[in-house]
């Protein structure tokens, strides 16, 4: 029974030669992109642009065809697979020794063409071309090392907000120009772009941040203390005060419906409304490394050191599904644009693609309860 379950759940496993934990996954898989891909980054800052093959109509769905059946959705980056152009894919610029590389250190633009990286000793964050691996922009603005990055949803032309958080306890909001592929609006002044806003209020190093352009909000967490909600113009709206044990936020995910899921260390989760009301909380016995909300904000997907992907109802943390365990811890996750494939980055240096069907659980859940 379990084996059959496994075949339905796991679509494929892709093992990279480097063995370094995959710490960031960005699945920008929209068909109109010039390269639909799952971009992965490892702890050793080796990135890969793994081409996404459209798998619409797979596994018994309408339009299913046998020719498609042997196509796996993700094809390993040829430069990584045959070890030929690894130097094109390695970010070798010096990171600050005290930085722990995690999923928050990277942002991939919505067209998969650029990767933004933080944690450098010179207090900058940097933009690299995924095609050539070359450094295209260095952005300064913080007084101390930049510890985390996030981006908002992209608009039609690829414009979006980028937020950088730092050890200096502040966050800076930047504008990414999809047309010029730079931070800032002016290609003639790409050396010194100015941030759109400075967000203050934390007392400690900023460790996680999420930005939602639809709501016009930035939600950030520092090493200690409450998470803060700012507008994108820089006004501090409120602090999200969790229960007693929820003092150290580590991961934040915001839905455009205005729900904010925060994971604190030691397994605590809270769901806040954007007005600061605590809606639900739970405790899990896993050190969670990655959380993700489905695009409609109804479902929460979590994964951590136990190597188990779990799906929850976001509003009340009811458990909907548990996937068969993987043989390594989960470090990062992302969903394909059609919300049907979940890609996890593993501590063993591989990625696993899972079949995911949110509607099925909602239906089962409604029928069951």
Protein backbone atom coordinates (compact mmCIF):
# COMPACT_ATOMS: atom_id res chain seq x y z
CA UNK A 1 0.00 0.00 0.00
CA UNK A 2 2.75 2.39 0.98
CA UNK A 3 4.70 1.72 -2.20
CA UNK A 4 1.69 2.56 -4.34
CA UNK A 5 1.21 5.71 -2.29
CA UNK A 6 4.83 6.61 -2.88
CA UNK A 7 4.48 6.29 -6.65
CA UNK A 8 1.55 8.65 -6.67
CA UNK A 9 3.20 11.20 -4.41
CA UNK A 10 6.77 11.43 -5.63
CA UNK A 11 7.22 12.34 -9.26
CA UNK A 12 11.00 12.41 -9.38
CA UNK A 13 14.23 12.86 -7.44
CA UNK A 14 17.12 14.76 -8.96
CA UNK A 15 20.55 14.40 -7.34
CA UNK A 16 23.12 17.12 -7.97
CA UNK A 17 26.78 16.07 -8.14
CA UNK A 18 27.91 18.68 -5.61
CA UNK A 19 26.27 17.03 -2.53
CA UNK A 20 25.94 20.47 -0.94
CA UNK A 21 22.50 21.02 0.68
CA UNK A 22 20.00 22.71 -1.64
CA UNK A 23 19.11 25.78 0.37
CA UNK A 24 16.91 27.74 -2.05
CA UNK A 25 14.36 26.68 -4.67
CA UNK A 26 12.54 29.09 -7.01
CA UNK A 27 10.04 27.50 -9.35
CA UNK A 28 9.25 30.11 -11.97
CA UNK A 29 7.50 27.76 -14.34
CA UNK A 30 5.07 29.94 -16.31
CA UNK A 31 4.94 28.68 -19.91
CA UNK A 32 5.41 32.13 -21.47
CA UNK A 33 8.86 32.59 -19.89
CA UNK A 34 11.87 32.26 -22.16
CA UNK A 35 13.24 29.68 -19.71
CA UNK A 36 10.60 28.16 -17.44
CA UNK A 37 12.78 26.62 -14.74
CA UNK A 38 13.29 25.55 -11.18
CA UNK A 39 16.32 27.50 -10.06
CA UNK A 40 18.19 25.92 -7.15
CA UNK A 41 21.01 27.24 -4.99
CA UNK A 42 23.18 25.16 -2.68
CA UNK A 43 24.91 26.07 0.58
CA UNK A 44 28.16 26.35 -1.37
CA UNK A 45 26.35 28.98 -3.52
CA UNK A 46 26.34 26.86 -6.63
CA UNK A 47 23.17 27.65 -8.55
CA UNK A 48 21.46 25.67 -11.29
CA UNK A 49 18.83 26.65 -13.85
CA UNK A 50 16.91 23.40 -14.20
CA UNK A 51 14.57 23.56 -17.15
CA UNK A 52 10.90 22.95 -16.46
CA UNK A 53 9.02 20.76 -18.93
CA UNK A 54 5.35 21.43 -19.06
CA UNK A 55 3.68 18.38 -17.57
CA UNK A 56 0.09 19.41 -18.11
CA UNK A 57 -2.12 16.36 -18.46
CA UNK A 58 0.14 13.98 -16.60
CA UNK A 59 -1.03 11.03 -14.55
CA UNK A 60 -4.54 10.33 -15.63
CA UNK A 61 -5.68 13.90 -16.07
CA UNK A 62 -7.52 14.97 -19.26
CA UNK A 63 -5.13 15.25 -22.20
CA UNK A 64 -2.88 12.55 -20.78
CA UNK A 65 -0.69 10.94 -23.38
CA UNK A 66 1.88 8.19 -23.14
CA UNK A 67 4.52 10.21 -24.99
CA UNK A 68 4.39 12.74 -22.20
CA UNK A 69 4.45 10.16 -19.49
CA UNK A 70 8.19 9.54 -19.62
CA UNK A 71 8.99 13.25 -19.58
CA UNK A 72 10.03 14.24 -16.11
CA UNK A 73 9.06 17.78 -15.23
CA UNK A 74 12.56 18.96 -14.30
CA UNK A 75 15.72 18.58 -16.35
CA UNK A 76 19.02 19.15 -14.59
CA UNK A 77 21.01 22.19 -15.65
CA UNK A 78 23.38 20.78 -18.30
CA UNK A 79 26.28 22.87 -16.98
CA UNK A 80 25.91 21.20 -13.58
CA UNK A 81 25.05 17.75 -14.92
CA UNK A 82 28.20 17.32 -16.98
CA UNK A 83 30.34 19.46 -14.67
CA UNK A 84 31.47 21.55 -17.64
CA UNK A 85 30.51 25.07 -16.68
CA UNK A 86 30.39 24.86 -12.91
CA UNK A 87 32.50 28.02 -12.59
CA UNK A 88 29.76 29.86 -14.51
CA UNK A 89 27.31 28.75 -11.85
CA UNK A 90 29.36 29.36 -8.71
CA UNK A 91 29.09 32.60 -6.76
CA UNK A 92 32.58 32.95 -5.35
CA UNK A 93 32.45 36.51 -3.94
CA UNK A 94 33.36 36.47 -0.27
CA UNK A 95 30.52 36.11 2.20
CA UNK A 96 30.84 37.29 5.77
CA UNK A 97 32.17 34.36 7.81
CA UNK A 98 29.44 34.61 10.43
CA UNK A 99 26.57 34.31 7.95
CA UNK A 100 24.67 31.03 7.92
CA UNK A 101 23.62 30.46 4.33
CA UNK A 102 19.89 29.72 4.23
CA UNK A 103 16.95 30.19 1.91
CA UNK A 104 16.58 33.87 2.91
CA UNK A 105 19.97 34.75 1.39
CA UNK A 106 18.65 34.46 -2.18
CA UNK A 107 15.97 35.85 -4.45
CA UNK A 108 15.41 34.79 -8.07
CA UNK A 109 13.65 37.23 -10.41
CA UNK A 110 10.36 36.06 -11.91
CA UNK A 111 11.92 35.51 -15.36
CA UNK A 112 14.70 33.28 -13.90
CA UNK A 113 17.32 35.54 -15.44
CA UNK A 114 18.83 37.08 -12.33
CA UNK A 115 19.67 35.94 -8.86
CA UNK A 116 20.10 38.32 -5.92
CA UNK A 117 22.42 37.25 -3.13
CA UNK A 118 23.19 38.78 0.29
CA UNK A 119 25.53 38.10 3.19
CA UNK A 120 28.65 39.79 1.78
CA UNK A 121 31.26 41.23 4.13
CA UNK A 122 31.07 44.67 2.46
CA UNK A 123 27.39 45.13 3.58
CA UNK A 124 26.09 44.89 0.00
CA UNK A 125 23.75 42.55 -1.76
CA UNK A 126 24.49 41.62 -5.36
CA UNK A 127 22.75 40.79 -8.60
CA UNK A 128 24.09 38.04 -10.90
CA UNK A 129 23.00 36.93 -14.34
CA UNK A 130 21.91 33.28 -14.21
CA UNK A 131 22.87 32.89 -17.86
CA UNK A 132 26.50 34.00 -17.60
CA UNK A 133 27.04 33.86 -13.84
CA UNK A 134 28.48 37.39 -14.06
CA UNK A 135 27.96 40.05 -11.42
CA UNK A 136 25.69 42.74 -12.87
CA UNK A 137 25.05 45.07 -9.91
CA UNK A 138 26.23 45.71 -6.36
CA UNK A 139 23.73 47.47 -4.10
CA UNK A 140 24.80 49.32 -0.95
CA UNK A 141 22.56 50.92 1.64
CA UNK A 142 22.90 49.09 4.94
CA UNK A 143 25.30 49.84 7.82
CA UNK A 144 25.95 46.17 8.48
CA UNK A 145 25.84 42.80 6.75
CA UNK A 146 22.64 42.09 4.79
CA UNK A 147 21.08 38.96 6.29
CA UNK A 148 17.90 38.34 4.27
CA UNK A 149 16.15 39.22 1.01
CA UNK A 150 12.60 38.83 -0.29
CA UNK A 151 10.67 39.84 -3.37
CA UNK A 152 7.03 40.64 -3.99
CA UNK A 153 4.86 39.20 -6.74
CA UNK A 154 5.98 40.55 -10.11
CA UNK A 155 3.91 42.87 -12.24
CA UNK A 156 3.44 42.32 -15.98
CA UNK A 157 6.78 43.80 -17.05
CA UNK A 158 8.66 41.92 -14.34
CA UNK A 159 8.81 44.91 -11.97
CA UNK A 160 8.64 44.02 -8.30
CA UNK A 161 9.71 45.10 -4.84
CA UNK A 162 12.83 43.72 -3.21
CA UNK A 163 13.31 44.02 0.54
CA UNK A 164 16.68 43.64 2.23
CA UNK A 165 17.03 43.07 5.97
CA UNK A 166 20.25 43.55 7.87
CA UNK A 167 22.19 43.17 11.07
CA UNK A 168 21.77 46.92 11.45
CA UNK A 169 18.15 46.11 12.51
CA UNK A 170 16.63 47.97 9.56
CA UNK A 171 15.06 46.94 6.27
CA UNK A 172 15.32 48.74 2.95
CA UNK A 173 12.67 48.54 0.25
CA UNK A 174 13.97 48.63 -3.34
CA UNK A 175 12.33 48.60 -6.74
CA UNK A 176 13.44 46.03 -9.30
CA UNK A 177 13.01 47.23 -12.88
CA UNK A 178 12.00 44.32 -15.10
CA UNK A 179 12.84 46.38 -18.15
CA UNK A 180 16.39 47.32 -17.22
CA UNK A 181 17.06 44.27 -14.99
CA UNK A 182 18.46 46.42 -12.22
CA UNK A 183 17.56 47.68 -8.78
CA UNK A 184 16.34 51.24 -9.27
CA UNK A 185 14.66 53.01 -12.19
CA UNK A 186 17.64 54.66 -13.77
CA UNK A 187 20.05 52.52 -15.82
CA UNK A 188 22.51 55.45 -15.91
CA UNK A 189 22.75 55.41 -12.15
CA UNK A 190 22.78 51.71 -11.39
CA UNK A 191 25.84 52.14 -9.14
CA UNK A 192 23.96 54.11 -6.51
CA UNK A 193 20.27 53.22 -6.54
CA UNK A 194 18.25 54.79 -3.72
CA UNK A 195 15.90 52.68 -1.62
CA UNK A 196 12.20 53.55 -1.82
CA UNK A 197 11.79 53.33 1.96
CA UNK A 198 13.68 52.62 5.18
CA UNK A 199 11.81 50.42 7.66
CA UNK A 200 12.81 50.71 11.30
CA UNK A 201 11.56 49.40 14.62
CA UNK A 202 13.46 46.18 15.26
CA UNK A 203 15.99 45.97 18.10
CA UNK A 204 18.00 43.07 16.70
CA UNK A 205 19.36 41.65 13.47
CA UNK A 206 16.59 41.07 10.92
CA UNK A 207 16.37 37.36 10.03
CA UNK A 208 13.25 36.95 7.86
CA UNK A 209 10.97 39.12 5.77
CA UNK A 210 8.03 38.83 3.40
CA UNK A 211 6.66 41.52 1.09
CA UNK A 212 3.22 41.59 -0.51
CA UNK A 213 2.70 44.20 -3.23
CA UNK A 214 -1.05 43.52 -3.43
CA UNK A 215 -1.53 44.47 0.20
CA UNK A 216 1.26 47.03 0.15
CA UNK A 217 2.83 45.48 3.24
CA UNK A 218 6.19 44.28 4.49
CA UNK A 219 6.26 41.85 7.43
CA UNK A 220 9.60 41.20 9.07
CA UNK A 221 11.08 39.32 11.98
CA UNK A 222 14.28 39.91 13.93
CA UNK A 223 16.38 37.51 15.99
CA UNK A 224 14.19 38.36 18.96
CA UNK A 225 11.01 40.29 19.56
CA UNK A 226 7.69 40.63 17.74
CA UNK A 227 7.30 40.65 13.97
CA UNK A 228 6.59 44.10 12.55
CA UNK A 229 4.14 45.13 9.84
CA UNK A 230 5.17 48.14 7.70
CA UNK A 231 3.53 49.72 4.70
CA UNK A 232 5.66 49.88 1.57
CA UNK A 233 5.98 53.61 2.14
CA UNK A 234 7.83 52.86 5.37
CA UNK A 235 5.19 53.49 8.03
CA UNK A 236 5.14 51.09 10.96
CA UNK A 237 1.57 49.81 11.31
CA UNK A 238 1.77 47.33 14.16
CA UNK A 239 3.66 44.58 15.91
CA UNK A 240 2.41 41.00 15.75
CA UNK A 241 2.65 39.88 19.36
CA UNK A 242 2.75 36.11 19.59
CA UNK A 243 2.13 34.00 22.69
CA UNK A 244 4.79 33.78 25.37
CA UNK A 245 7.07 31.24 23.69
CA UNK A 246 6.85 32.91 20.30
CA UNK A 247 9.68 35.40 20.61
CA UNK A 248 12.07 34.28 17.88
CA UNK A 249 10.57 34.37 14.40
CA UNK A 250 12.40 32.36 11.73
CA UNK A 251 10.08 32.09 8.70
CA UNK A 252 7.23 34.28 7.42
CA UNK A 253 4.68 33.69 4.69
CA UNK A 254 1.91 36.14 3.78
CA UNK A 255 -1.14 35.54 1.59
CA UNK A 256 -2.78 38.29 -0.42
CA UNK A 257 -5.94 37.57 1.61
CA UNK A 258 -4.15 39.13 4.54
CA UNK A 259 -3.14 36.09 6.54
CA UNK A 260 0.33 35.93 7.95
CA UNK A 261 1.87 32.62 8.99
CA UNK A 262 4.94 32.90 11.18
CA UNK A 263 7.18 30.05 12.29
CA UNK A 264 9.14 30.63 15.50
CA UNK A 265 12.03 28.55 16.75
CA UNK A 266 11.25 25.39 18.73
CA UNK A 267 8.35 24.36 16.52
CA UNK A 268 5.80 27.11 17.15
CA UNK A 269 3.49 28.38 14.42
CA UNK A 270 1.10 31.34 14.58
CA UNK A 271 -1.46 32.60 12.09
CA UNK A 272 -2.18 36.33 12.41
CA UNK A 273 -4.67 38.44 10.55
CA UNK A 274 -3.09 41.49 9.00
CA UNK A 275 -4.74 43.54 11.77
CA UNK A 276 -2.65 41.73 14.32
CA UNK A 277 -5.26 39.31 15.66
CA UNK A 278 -3.91 35.87 16.55
CA UNK A 279 -6.18 33.44 14.69
CA UNK A 280 -4.55 30.08 15.38
CA UNK A 281 -1.40 28.51 16.75
CA UNK A 282 0.22 25.09 16.82
CA UNK A 283 3.39 23.34 17.87
CA UNK A 284 5.20 20.73 15.76
CA UNK A 285 8.06 18.47 16.78
CA UNK A 286 10.23 19.20 13.77
CA UNK A 287 12.78 21.90 13.22
CA UNK A 288 10.97 23.54 10.28
CA UNK A 289 13.19 25.02 7.56
CA UNK A 290 10.67 25.97 4.88
CA UNK A 291 7.04 27.08 4.78
CA UNK A 292 4.85 27.95 1.83
CA UNK A 293 1.28 29.11 1.30
CA UNK A 294 -0.71 27.95 -1.72
CA UNK A 295 -1.63 30.76 -4.10
CA UNK A 296 -5.16 31.03 -2.71
CA UNK A 297 -3.79 31.28 0.82
CA UNK A 298 -5.87 28.30 2.01
CA UNK A 299 -3.12 25.73 2.49
CA UNK A 300 0.19 25.76 4.32
CA UNK A 301 3.00 23.40 3.33
CA UNK A 302 5.85 22.82 5.79
CA UNK A 303 9.09 20.85 5.71
CA UNK A 304 12.09 20.55 7.97
CA UNK A 305 14.90 18.47 9.39
CA UNK A 306 12.67 15.37 9.73
CA UNK A 307 12.41 15.23 5.94
CA UNK A 308 8.61 15.13 5.99
CA UNK A 309 6.39 17.42 3.91
CA UNK A 310 3.11 18.19 5.67
CA UNK A 311 0.07 20.05 4.39
CA UNK A 312 -2.17 22.03 6.74
CA UNK A 313 -5.30 24.09 6.46
CA UNK A 314 -3.86 27.57 6.91
CA UNK A 315 -6.75 29.12 8.85
CA UNK A 316 -6.81 26.67 11.77
CA UNK A 317 -3.73 24.45 11.26
CA UNK A 318 -5.81 21.31 10.72
CA UNK A 319 -3.58 18.69 9.20
CA UNK A 320 -4.67 17.66 5.71
CA UNK A 321 -1.88 15.38 4.51
CA UNK A 322 1.52 13.90 5.34
CA UNK A 323 3.86 12.78 2.57
CA UNK A 324 6.07 9.71 2.89
CA UNK A 325 9.31 10.75 4.60
CA UNK A 326 12.45 11.56 2.65
CA UNK A 327 15.86 10.29 3.65
CA UNK A 328 17.22 13.80 4.29
CA UNK A 329 16.10 17.07 5.81
CA UNK A 330 14.17 19.64 3.77
CA UNK A 331 15.85 23.04 3.41
CA UNK A 332 13.70 24.88 0.85
CA UNK A 333 10.45 24.54 -1.11
CA UNK A 334 8.50 26.10 -3.94
CA UNK A 335 5.34 25.36 -5.92
CA UNK A 336 5.00 25.31 -9.70
CA UNK A 337 2.77 28.04 -11.14
CA UNK A 338 -0.15 25.64 -11.65
CA UNK A 339 0.10 24.60 -7.95
CA UNK A 340 0.35 20.93 -8.94
CA UNK A 341 4.01 20.21 -8.29
CA UNK A 342 5.91 20.88 -5.09
CA UNK A 343 9.70 21.01 -5.36
CA UNK A 344 11.80 20.57 -2.23
CA UNK A 345 15.51 21.22 -1.78
CA UNK A 346 17.13 18.58 0.39
CA UNK A 347 20.06 18.58 2.81
CA UNK A 348 21.52 15.70 0.79
CA UNK A 349 22.02 17.88 -2.28
CA UNK A 350 19.02 16.67 -4.26
CA UNK A 351 15.60 18.02 -5.14
CA UNK A 352 12.37 16.04 -4.93
CA UNK A 353 9.26 16.83 -6.97
CA UNK A 354 5.97 15.86 -5.33
CA UNK A 355 2.54 15.58 -6.86
CA UNK A 356 0.27 17.96 -4.94
CA UNK A 357 -3.47 18.42 -5.21
CA UNK A 358 -4.96 20.93 -2.79
CA UNK A 359 -8.52 20.47 -4.09
CA UNK A 360 -8.54 16.81 -3.25
CA UNK A 361 -7.80 17.40 0.43
CA UNK A 362 -10.33 20.18 0.70
CA UNK A 363 -12.95 17.91 -0.74
CA UNK A 364 -11.96 15.03 1.53
CA UNK A 365 -11.74 17.33 4.49
CA UNK A 366 -15.22 18.73 3.93
CA UNK A 367 -16.65 15.25 3.51
CA UNK A 368 -14.87 13.90 6.53
CA UNK A 369 -15.76 16.58 9.04
